[in-house]
Amino acid sequence: IMAWYRQAPGKSRELVARIDIDRGAVTHTNYGDSVKGRFTISK
């Protein structure tokens, strides 16, 4: 797994975007609801 999390002041850490990987290949990508359509994760 390769992912980005973030933590705003006074808040808990939350998932921003995540990539699931199997033998070097991306098998799945997902985003937190608040960033969908605006952020893109890639390797």
All heavy atoms as atom14 arrays in JSON, in Angstrom:
{
  "sequence": "IMAWYRQAPGKSRELVARIDIDRGAVTHTNYGDSVKGRFTISK",
  "atom14_mask": [
    [1, 1, 1, 1, 1, 1, 1, 1, 0, 0, 0, 0, 0, 0],
    [1, 1, 1, 1, 1, 1, 1, 1, 0, 0, 0, 0, 0, 0],
    [1, 1, 1, 1, 1, 0, 0, 0, 0, 0, 0, 0, 0, 0],
    [1, 1, 1, 1, 1, 1, 1, 1, 1, 1, 1, 1, 1, 1],
    [1, 1, 1, 1, 1, 1, 1, 1, 1, 1, 1, 1, 0, 0],
    [1, 1, 1, 1, 1, 1, 1, 1, 1, 1, 1, 0, 0, 0],
    [1, 1, 1, 1, 1, 1, 1, 1, 1, 0, 0, 0, 0, 0],
    [1, 1, 1, 1, 1, 0, 0, 0, 0, 0, 0, 0, 0, 0],
    [1, 1, 1, 1, 1, 1, 1, 0, 0, 0, 0, 0, 0, 0],
    [1, 1, 1, 1, 0, 0, 0, 0, 0, 0, 0, 0, 0, 0],
    [1, 1, 1, 1, 1, 1, 1, 1, 1, 0, 0, 0, 0, 0],
    [1, 1, 1, 1, 1, 1, 0, 0, 0, 0, 0, 0, 0, 0],
    [1, 1, 1, 1, 1, 1, 1, 1, 1, 1, 1, 0, 0, 0],
    [1, 1, 1, 1, 1, 1, 1, 1, 1, 0, 0, 0, 0, 0],
    [1, 1, 1, 1, 1, 1, 1, 1, 0, 0, 0, 0, 0, 0],
    [1, 1, 1, 1, 1, 1, 1, 0, 0, 0, 0, 0, 0, 0],
    [1, 1, 1, 1, 1, 0, 0, 0, 0, 0, 0, 0, 0, 0],
    [1, 1, 1, 1, 1, 1, 1, 1, 1, 1, 1, 0, 0, 0],
    [1, 1, 1, 1, 1, 1, 1, 1, 0, 0, 0, 0, 0, 0],
    [1, 1, 1, 1, 1, 1, 1, 1, 0, 0, 0, 0, 0, 0],
    [1, 1, 1, 1, 1, 1, 1, 1, 0, 0, 0, 0, 0, 0],
    [1, 1, 1, 1, 1, 1, 1, 1, 0, 0, 0, 0, 0, 0],
    [1, 1, 1, 1, 1, 1, 1, 1, 1, 1, 1, 0, 0, 0],
    [1, 1, 1, 1, 0, 0, 0, 0, 0, 0, 0, 0, 0, 0],
    [1, 1, 1, 1, 1, 0, 0, 0, 0, 0, 0, 0, 0, 0],
    [1, 1, 1, 1, 1, 1, 1, 0, 0, 0, 0, 0, 0, 0],
    [1, 1, 1, 1, 1, 1, 1, 0, 0, 0, 0, 0, 0, 0],
    [1, 1, 1, 1, 1, 1, 1, 1, 1, 1, 0, 0, 0, 0],
    [1, 1, 1, 1, 1, 1, 1, 0, 0, 0, 0, 0, 0, 0],
    [1, 1, 1, 1, 1, 1, 1, 1, 0, 0, 0, 0, 0, 0],
    [1, 1, 1, 1, 1, 1, 1, 1, 1, 1, 1, 1, 0, 0],
    [1, 1, 1, 1, 0, 0, 0, 0, 0, 0, 0, 0, 0, 0],
    [1, 1, 1, 1, 1, 1, 1, 1, 0, 0, 0, 0, 0, 0],
    [1, 1, 1, 1, 1, 1, 0, 0, 0, 0, 0, 0, 0, 0],
    [1, 1, 1, 1, 1, 1, 1, 0, 0, 0, 0, 0, 0, 0],
    [1, 1, 1, 1, 1, 1, 1, 1, 1, 0, 0, 0, 0, 0],
    [1, 1, 1, 1, 0, 0, 0, 0, 0, 0, 0, 0, 0, 0],
    [1, 1, 1, 1, 1, 1, 1, 1, 1, 1, 1, 0, 0, 0],
    [1, 1, 1, 1, 1, 1, 1, 1, 1, 1, 1, 0, 0, 0],
    [1, 1, 1, 1, 1, 1, 1, 0, 0, 0, 0, 0, 0, 0],
    [1, 1, 1, 1, 1, 1, 1, 1, 0, 0, 0, 0, 0, 0],
    [1, 1, 1, 1, 1, 1, 0, 0, 0, 0, 0, 0, 0, 0],
    [1, 1, 1, 1, 1, 1, 1, 1, 1, 0, 0, 0, 0, 0]
  ],
  "atom14_positions": [
    [[0.84, -1.19, 0.0], [0.0, 0.0, 0.0], [0.87, 1.24, 0.0], [1.87, 1.31, 0.73], [-0.93, 0.05, 1.23], [-1.87, -1.15, 1.25], [-1.72, 1.35, 1.26], [-2.64, -1.29, 2.55], [0.0, 0.0, 0.0], [0.0, 0.0, 0.0], [0.0, 0.0, 0.0], [0.0, 0.0, 0.0], [0.0, 0.0, 0.0], [0.0, 0.0, 0.0]],
    [[0.5, 2.22, -0.79], [1.11, 3.54, -0.76], [-0.04, 4.53, -0.59], [-1.04, 4.44, -1.29], [1.88, 3.82, -2.06], [2.96, 2.79, -2.36], [3.71, 2.98, -4.0], [4.77, 4.41, -3.73], [0.0, 0.0, 0.0], [0.0, 0.0, 0.0], [0.0, 0.0, 0.0], [0.0, 0.0, 0.0], [0.0, 0.0, 0.0], [0.0, 0.0, 0.0]],
    [[0.11, 5.44, 0.34], [-1.01, 6.31, 0.65], [-0.55, 7.67, 1.17], [0.6, 7.85, 1.58], [-1.93, 5.65, 1.69], [0.0, 0.0, 0.0], [0.0, 0.0, 0.0], [0.0, 0.0, 0.0], [0.0, 0.0, 0.0], [0.0, 0.0, 0.0], [0.0, 0.0, 0.0], [0.0, 0.0, 0.0], [0.0, 0.0, 0.0], [0.0, 0.0, 0.0]],
    [[-1.48, 8.59, 1.14], [-1.31, 9.91, 1.75], [-2.37, 10.09, 2.82], [-3.55, 9.85, 2.58], [-1.42, 11.04, 0.73], [-0.27, 11.15, -0.21], [-0.19, 10.65, -1.47], [0.97, 11.82, 0.04], [1.03, 10.96, -2.03], [1.76, 11.69, -1.12], [1.48, 12.53, 1.13], [3.04, 12.22, -1.23], [2.76, 13.06, 1.03], [3.53, 12.9, -0.14]],
    [[-1.95, 10.51, 3.98], [-2.84, 10.91, 5.06], [-2.57, 12.38, 5.36], [-1.54, 12.93, 4.97], [-2.59, 10.07, 6.31], [-3.11, 8.65, 6.23], [-2.42, 7.67, 5.52], [-4.29, 8.29, 6.9], [-2.89, 6.37, 5.46], [-4.76, 6.99, 6.84], [-4.06, 6.04, 6.12], [-4.53, 4.75, 6.07], [0.0, 0.0, 0.0], [0.0, 0.0, 0.0]],
    [[-3.5, 12.99, 6.07], [-3.28, 14.36, 6.5], [-3.87, 14.56, 7.88], [-4.78, 13.86, 8.3], [-3.88, 15.36, 5.51], [-5.4, 15.37, 5.46], [-5.88, 16.31, 4.38], [-7.33, 16.4, 4.32], [-8.0, 17.05, 3.39], [-7.35, 17.69, 2.42], [-9.33, 17.08, 3.41], [0.0, 0.0, 0.0], [0.0, 0.0, 0.0], [0.0, 0.0, 0.0]],
    [[-3.33, 15.55, 8.56], [-3.82, 15.89, 9.89], [-3.89, 17.4, 10.01], [-2.86, 18.08, 9.97], [-2.93, 15.3, 10.98], [-3.47, 15.47, 12.38], [-2.75, 14.61, 13.39], [-1.63, 14.15, 13.15], [-3.38, 14.37, 14.53], [0.0, 0.0, 0.0], [0.0, 0.0, 0.0], [0.0, 0.0, 0.0], [0.0, 0.0, 0.0], [0.0, 0.0, 0.0]],
    [[-5.1, 17.9, 10.15], [-5.31, 19.32, 10.34], [-5.18, 19.67, 11.81], [-5.34, 18.8, 12.68], [-6.69, 19.72, 9.81], [0.0, 0.0, 0.0], [0.0, 0.0, 0.0], [0.0, 0.0, 0.0], [0.0, 0.0, 0.0], [0.0, 0.0, 0.0], [0.0, 0.0, 0.0], [0.0, 0.0, 0.0], [0.0, 0.0, 0.0], [0.0, 0.0, 0.0]],
    [[-4.91, 20.92, 12.13], [-4.78, 21.32, 13.53], [-6.01, 20.95, 14.34], [-7.14, 21.26, 13.95], [-4.61, 22.84, 13.44], [-3.99, 23.06, 12.1], [-4.65, 22.04, 11.21], [0.0, 0.0, 0.0], [0.0, 0.0, 0.0], [0.0, 0.0, 0.0], [0.0, 0.0, 0.0], [0.0, 0.0, 0.0], [0.0, 0.0, 0.0], [0.0, 0.0, 0.0]],
    [[-5.8, 20.27, 15.45], [-6.89, 19.9, 16.33], [-7.74, 18.74, 15.85], [-8.75, 18.42, 16.48], [0.0, 0.0, 0.0], [0.0, 0.0, 0.0], [0.0, 0.0, 0.0], [0.0, 0.0, 0.0], [0.0, 0.0, 0.0], [0.0, 0.0, 0.0], [0.0, 0.0, 0.0], [0.0, 0.0, 0.0], [0.0, 0.0, 0.0], [0.0, 0.0, 0.0]],
    [[-7.35, 18.1, 14.76], [-8.12, 16.99, 14.22], [-7.27, 15.73, 14.15], [-6.04, 15.78, 14.23], [-8.65, 17.32, 12.84], [-9.65, 18.47, 12.8], [-10.2, 18.67, 11.4], [-11.23, 19.78, 11.37], [-11.78, 19.96, 10.0], [0.0, 0.0, 0.0], [0.0, 0.0, 0.0], [0.0, 0.0, 0.0], [0.0, 0.0, 0.0], [0.0, 0.0, 0.0]],
    [[-7.94, 14.6, 13.99], [-7.24, 13.33, 13.86], [-6.73, 13.14, 12.44], [-7.19, 13.8, 11.5], [-8.16, 12.18, 14.26], [-9.3, 12.14, 13.42], [0.0, 0.0, 0.0], [0.0, 0.0, 0.0], [0.0, 0.0, 0.0], [0.0, 0.0, 0.0], [0.0, 0.0, 0.0], [0.0, 0.0, 0.0], [0.0, 0.0, 0.0], [0.0, 0.0, 0.0]],
    [[-5.81, 12.23, 12.29], [-5.26, 11.95, 10.97], [-6.3, 11.22, 10.12], [-6.96, 10.3, 10.59], [-3.99, 11.11, 11.12], [-3.18, 10.96, 9.85], [-1.83, 10.33, 10.15], [-1.03, 11.16, 11.05], [0.22, 10.88, 11.4], [0.82, 9.8, 10.93], [0.87, 11.69, 12.24], [0.0, 0.0, 0.0], [0.0, 0.0, 0.0], [0.0, 0.0, 0.0]],
    [[-6.43, 11.63, 8.86], [-7.41, 11.04, 7.98], [-6.78, 10.63, 6.66], [-5.79, 11.21, 6.21], [-8.56, 12.01, 7.72], [-8.15, 13.26, 6.96], [-9.33, 14.14, 6.57], [-10.49, 13.66, 6.62], [-9.1, 15.31, 6.23], [0.0, 0.0, 0.0], [0.0, 0.0, 0.0], [0.0, 0.0, 0.0], [0.0, 0.0, 0.0], [0.0, 0.0, 0.0]],
    [[-7.37, 9.63, 6.04], [-6.91, 9.16, 4.74], [-7.26, 10.16, 3.65], [-8.39, 10.61, 3.56], [-7.53, 7.8, 4.42], [-7.21, 7.24, 3.03], [-5.73, 6.86, 2.94], [-8.09, 6.03, 2.73], [0.0, 0.0, 0.0], [0.0, 0.0, 0.0], [0.0, 0.0, 0.0], [0.0, 0.0, 0.0], [0.0, 0.0, 0.0], [0.0, 0.0, 0.0]],
    [[-6.29, 10.48, 2.83], [-6.49, 11.34, 1.68], [-6.64, 10.52, 0.41], [-7.59, 10.68, -0.35], [-5.33, 12.34, 1.52], [-5.51, 13.18, 0.26], [-5.23, 13.24, 2.75], [0.0, 0.0, 0.0], [0.0, 0.0, 0.0], [0.0, 0.0, 0.0], [0.0, 0.0, 0.0], [0.0, 0.0, 0.0], [0.0, 0.0, 0.0], [0.0, 0.0, 0.0]],
    [[-5.69, 9.63, 0.18], [-5.71, 8.8, -1.02], [-4.85, 7.57, -0.78], [-3.89, 7.62, -0.01], [-5.2, 9.57, -2.23], [0.0, 0.0, 0.0], [0.0, 0.0, 0.0], [0.0, 0.0, 0.0], [0.0, 0.0, 0.0], [0.0, 0.0, 0.0], [0.0, 0.0, 0.0], [0.0, 0.0, 0.0], [0.0, 0.0, 0.0], [0.0, 0.0, 0.0]],
    [[-5.21, 6.49, -1.45], [-4.52, 5.23, -1.23], [-4.41, 4.42, -2.52], [-5.33, 4.4, -3.33], [-5.28, 4.42, -0.17], [-4.94, 2.94, -0.1], [-5.71, 2.27, 1.0], [-5.62, 0.83, 0.93], [-6.0, 0.0, 1.89], [-6.51, 0.5, 3.02], [-5.88, -1.31, 1.73], [0.0, 0.0, 0.0], [0.0, 0.0, 0.0], [0.0, 0.0, 0.0]],
    [[-3.29, 3.76, -2.67], [-3.05, 2.84, -3.77], [-2.74, 1.46, -3.2], [-1.87, 1.32, -2.35], [-1.88, 3.29, -4.66], [-2.21, 4.59, -5.39], [-1.51, 2.21, -5.67], [-1.03, 5.14, -6.17], [0.0, 0.0, 0.0], [0.0, 0.0, 0.0], [0.0, 0.0, 0.0], [0.0, 0.0, 0.0], [0.0, 0.0, 0.0], [0.0, 0.0, 0.0]],
    [[-3.45, 0.45, -3.69], [-3.14, -0.93, -3.34], [-2.26, -1.51, -4.43], [-2.52, -1.3, -5.62], [-4.41, -1.77, -3.2], [-5.28, -1.31, -2.04], [-4.73, -0.83, -1.04], [-6.51, -1.45, -2.14], [0.0, 0.0, 0.0], [0.0, 0.0, 0.0], [0.0, 0.0, 0.0], [0.0, 0.0, 0.0], [0.0, 0.0, 0.0], [0.0, 0.0, 0.0]],
    [[-1.24, -2.23, -4.03], [-0.24, -2.72, -4.97], [-0.01, -4.21, -4.81], [0.06, -4.71, -3.69], [1.1, -1.97, -4.77], [0.89, -0.47, -4.99], [2.17, -2.49, -5.72], [2.07, 0.37, -4.59], [0.0, 0.0, 0.0], [0.0, 0.0, 0.0], [0.0, 0.0, 0.0], [0.0, 0.0, 0.0], [0.0, 0.0, 0.0], [0.0, 0.0, 0.0]],
    [[0.11, -4.88, -5.92], [0.42, -6.31, -5.94], [1.56, -6.52, -6.92], [1.4, -6.33, -8.12], [-0.79, -7.13, -6.34], [-0.52, -8.63, -6.32], [0.48, -9.05, -5.71], [-1.32, -9.38, -6.9], [0.0, 0.0, 0.0], [0.0, 0.0, 0.0], [0.0, 0.0, 0.0], [0.0, 0.0, 0.0], [0.0, 0.0, 0.0], [0.0, 0.0, 0.0]],
    [[2.7, -6.9, -6.39], [3.89, -7.15, -7.2], [4.21, -5.98, -8.13], [4.51, -6.16, -9.31], [3.73, -8.45, -7.99], [3.85, -9.69, -7.11], [3.41, -10.96, -7.82], [1.97, -11.04, -7.95], [1.32, -12.09, -8.46], [2.0, -13.14, -8.88], [0.01, -12.08, -8.53], [0.0, 0.0, 0.0], [0.0, 0.0, 0.0], [0.0, 0.0, 0.0]],
    [[4.14, -4.78, -7.58], [4.51, -3.59, -8.3], [3.42, -2.96, -9.13], [3.6, -1.84, -9.64], [0.0, 0.0, 0.0], [0.0, 0.0, 0.0], [0.0, 0.0, 0.0], [0.0, 0.0, 0.0], [0.0, 0.0, 0.0], [0.0, 0.0, 0.0], [0.0, 0.0, 0.0], [0.0, 0.0, 0.0], [0.0, 0.0, 0.0], [0.0, 0.0, 0.0]],
    [[2.3, -3.64, -9.28], [1.21, -3.14, -10.11], [0.09, -2.57, -9.25], [-0.29, -3.17, -8.24], [0.68, -4.24, -11.01], [0.0, 0.0, 0.0], [0.0, 0.0, 0.0], [0.0, 0.0, 0.0], [0.0, 0.0, 0.0], [0.0, 0.0, 0.0], [0.0, 0.0, 0.0], [0.0, 0.0, 0.0], [0.0, 0.0, 0.0], [0.0, 0.0, 0.0]],
    [[-0.44, -1.44, -9.64], [-1.56, -0.83, -8.94], [-2.82, -1.63, -9.22], [-3.22, -1.79, -10.37], [-1.76, 0.63, -9.36], [-2.99, 1.22, -8.67], [-0.53, 1.44, -9.03], [0.0, 0.0, 0.0], [0.0, 0.0, 0.0], [0.0, 0.0, 0.0], [0.0, 0.0, 0.0], [0.0, 0.0, 0.0], [0.0, 0.0, 0.0], [0.0, 0.0, 0.0]],
    [[-3.46, -2.12, -8.17], [-4.67, -2.9, -8.31], [-5.93, -2.13, -7.94], [-7.02, -2.47, -8.38], [-4.61, -4.17, -7.46], [-4.46, -3.82, -6.07], [-3.42, -5.04, -7.87], [0.0, 0.0, 0.0], [0.0, 0.0, 0.0], [0.0, 0.0, 0.0], [0.0, 0.0, 0.0], [0.0, 0.0, 0.0], [0.0, 0.0, 0.0], [0.0, 0.0, 0.0]],
    [[-5.79, -1.1, -7.13], [-6.93, -0.32, -6.71], [-6.49, 1.04, -6.2], [-5.41, 1.17, -5.61], [-7.72, -1.05, -5.62], [-9.0, -0.41, -5.25], [-9.14, 0.38, -4.13], [-10.22, -0.41, -5.85], [-10.37, 0.83, -4.05], [-11.05, 0.36, -5.09], [0.0, 0.0, 0.0], [0.0, 0.0, 0.0], [0.0, 0.0, 0.0], [0.0, 0.0, 0.0]],
    [[-7.33, 2.04, -6.42], [-7.07, 3.39, -5.96], [-8.33, 3.94, -5.32], [-9.43, 3.78, -5.86], [-6.65, 4.31, -7.11], [-5.51, 3.77, -7.78], [-6.3, 5.7, -6.58], [0.0, 0.0, 0.0], [0.0, 0.0, 0.0], [0.0, 0.0, 0.0], [0.0, 0.0, 0.0], [0.0, 0.0, 0.0], [0.0, 0.0, 0.0], [0.0, 0.0, 0.0]],
    [[-8.21, 4.57, -4.17], [-9.37, 5.19, -3.56], [-8.98, 6.51, -2.9], [-7.82, 6.74, -2.56], [-10.07, 4.25, -2.57], [-9.22, 3.93, -1.35], [-9.16, 4.71, -0.4], [-8.56, 2.78, -1.39], [0.0, 0.0, 0.0], [0.0, 0.0, 0.0], [0.0, 0.0, 0.0], [0.0, 0.0, 0.0], [0.0, 0.0, 0.0], [0.0, 0.0, 0.0]],
    [[-10.0, 7.36, -2.71], [-9.79, 8.7, -2.17], [-10.77, 8.99, -1.05], [-11.87, 8.44, -1.01], [-9.98, 9.75, -3.26], [-9.0, 9.66, -4.39], [-9.26, 8.87, -5.51], [-7.81, 10.38, -4.35], [-8.35, 8.79, -6.55], [-6.9, 10.3, -5.39], [-7.18, 9.51, -6.48], [-6.27, 9.43, -7.52], [0.0, 0.0, 0.0], [0.0, 0.0, 0.0]],
    [[-10.35, 9.86, -0.16], [-11.28, 10.35, 0.83], [-12.35, 11.19, 0.16], [-12.1, 11.83, -0.87], [0.0, 0.0, 0.0], [0.0, 0.0, 0.0], [0.0, 0.0, 0.0], [0.0, 0.0, 0.0], [0.0, 0.0, 0.0], [0.0, 0.0, 0.0], [0.0, 0.0, 0.0], [0.0, 0.0, 0.0], [0.0, 0.0, 0.0], [0.0, 0.0, 0.0]],
    [[-13.54, 11.19, 0.73], [-14.65, 11.89, 0.1], [-14.37, 13.38, -0.12], [-14.81, 13.96, -1.1], [-15.91, 11.74, 0.96], [-16.47, 10.33, 0.93], [-16.16, 9.59, -0.02], [-17.23, 9.98, 1.85], [0.0, 0.0, 0.0], [0.0, 0.0, 0.0], [0.0, 0.0, 0.0], [0.0, 0.0, 0.0], [0.0, 0.0, 0.0], [0.0, 0.0, 0.0]],
    [[-13.66, 13.99, 0.79], [-13.43, 15.42, 0.71], [-12.49, 15.85, -0.4], [-12.43, 17.03, -0.75], [-12.89, 15.94, 2.05], [-11.63, 15.37, 2.35], [0.0, 0.0, 0.0], [0.0, 0.0, 0.0], [0.0, 0.0, 0.0], [0.0, 0.0, 0.0], [0.0, 0.0, 0.0], [0.0, 0.0, 0.0], [0.0, 0.0, 0.0], [0.0, 0.0, 0.0]],
    [[-11.76, 14.9, -0.99], [-10.79, 15.26, -2.03], [-11.1, 14.64, -3.38], [-10.38, 14.9, -4.35], [-9.35, 14.88, -1.61], [-9.0, 15.48, -0.26], [-9.17, 13.36, -1.59], [0.0, 0.0, 0.0], [0.0, 0.0, 0.0], [0.0, 0.0, 0.0], [0.0, 0.0, 0.0], [0.0, 0.0, 0.0], [0.0, 0.0, 0.0], [0.0, 0.0, 0.0]],
    [[-12.14, 13.85, -3.46], [-12.5, 13.22, -4.73], [-12.76, 14.26, -5.81], [-13.46, 15.24, -5.6], [-13.74, 12.34, -4.55], [-13.5, 11.08, -3.75], [-14.77, 10.26, -3.61], [-14.51, 8.98, -2.83], [-15.76, 8.19, -2.63], [0.0, 0.0, 0.0], [0.0, 0.0, 0.0], [0.0, 0.0, 0.0], [0.0, 0.0, 0.0], [0.0, 0.0, 0.0]],
    [[-12.16, 14.03, -6.96], [-12.31, 14.95, -8.07], [-11.32, 16.08, -8.07], [-11.22, 16.82, -9.06], [0.0, 0.0, 0.0], [0.0, 0.0, 0.0], [0.0, 0.0, 0.0], [0.0, 0.0, 0.0], [0.0, 0.0, 0.0], [0.0, 0.0, 0.0], [0.0, 0.0, 0.0], [0.0, 0.0, 0.0], [0.0, 0.0, 0.0], [0.0, 0.0, 0.0]],
    [[-10.58, 16.24, -6.99], [-9.61, 17.33, -6.89], [-8.17, 16.83, -6.76], [-7.25, 17.47, -7.26], [-9.93, 18.23, -5.7], [-11.29, 18.9, -5.79], [-11.47, 19.93, -4.68], [-11.42, 19.33, -3.35], [-10.51, 19.62, -2.43], [-9.57, 20.53, -2.67], [-10.55, 19.03, -1.24], [0.0, 0.0, 0.0], [0.0, 0.0, 0.0], [0.0, 0.0, 0.0]],
    [[-7.98, 15.71, -6.08], [-6.65, 15.17, -5.84], [-6.44, 13.91, -6.67], [-7.38, 13.16, -6.93], [-6.45, 14.82, -4.37], [-6.38, 15.99, -3.44], [-6.68, 17.27, -3.85], [-6.0, 15.8, -2.11], [-6.61, 18.35, -2.99], [-5.93, 16.86, -1.24], [-6.23, 18.14, -1.67], [0.0, 0.0, 0.0], [0.0, 0.0, 0.0], [0.0, 0.0, 0.0]],
    [[-5.19, 13.67, -7.03], [-4.83, 12.46, -7.76], [-3.57, 11.85, -7.16], [-2.56, 12.54, -7.02], [-4.59, 12.74, -9.24], [-5.77, 13.31, -9.83], [-4.25, 11.45, -9.98], [0.0, 0.0, 0.0], [0.0, 0.0, 0.0], [0.0, 0.0, 0.0], [0.0, 0.0, 0.0], [0.0, 0.0, 0.0], [0.0, 0.0, 0.0], [0.0, 0.0, 0.0]],
    [[-3.65, 10.59, -6.8], [-2.49, 9.89, -6.27], [-1.89, 9.04, -7.39], [-2.6, 8.45, -8.2], [-2.87, 9.0, -5.06], [-1.61, 8.4, -4.41], [-3.86, 7.92, -5.44], [-1.88, 7.68, -3.1], [0.0, 0.0, 0.0], [0.0, 0.0, 0.0], [0.0, 0.0, 0.0], [0.0, 0.0, 0.0], [0.0, 0.0, 0.0], [0.0, 0.0, 0.0]],
    [[-0.58, 8.99, -7.43], [0.09, 8.2, -8.45], [1.47, 7.82, -7.95], [1.99, 8.4, -7.0], [0.19, 8.98, -9.76], [0.98, 10.15, -9.6], [0.0, 0.0, 0.0], [0.0, 0.0, 0.0], [0.0, 0.0, 0.0], [0.0, 0.0, 0.0], [0.0, 0.0, 0.0], [0.0, 0.0, 0.0], [0.0, 0.0, 0.0], [0.0, 0.0, 0.0]],
    [[2.05, 6.84, -8.6], [3.41, 6.46, -8.26], [4.28, 6.53, -9.51], [3.79, 6.35, -10.63], [3.47, 5.07, -7.63], [3.21, 3.9, -8.55], [3.3, 2.58, -7.78], [3.16, 1.37, -8.69], [4.39, 1.2, -9.53], [0.0, 0.0, 0.0], [0.0, 0.0, 0.0], [0.0, 0.0, 0.0], [0.0, 0.0, 0.0], [0.0, 0.0, 0.0]]
  ]
}
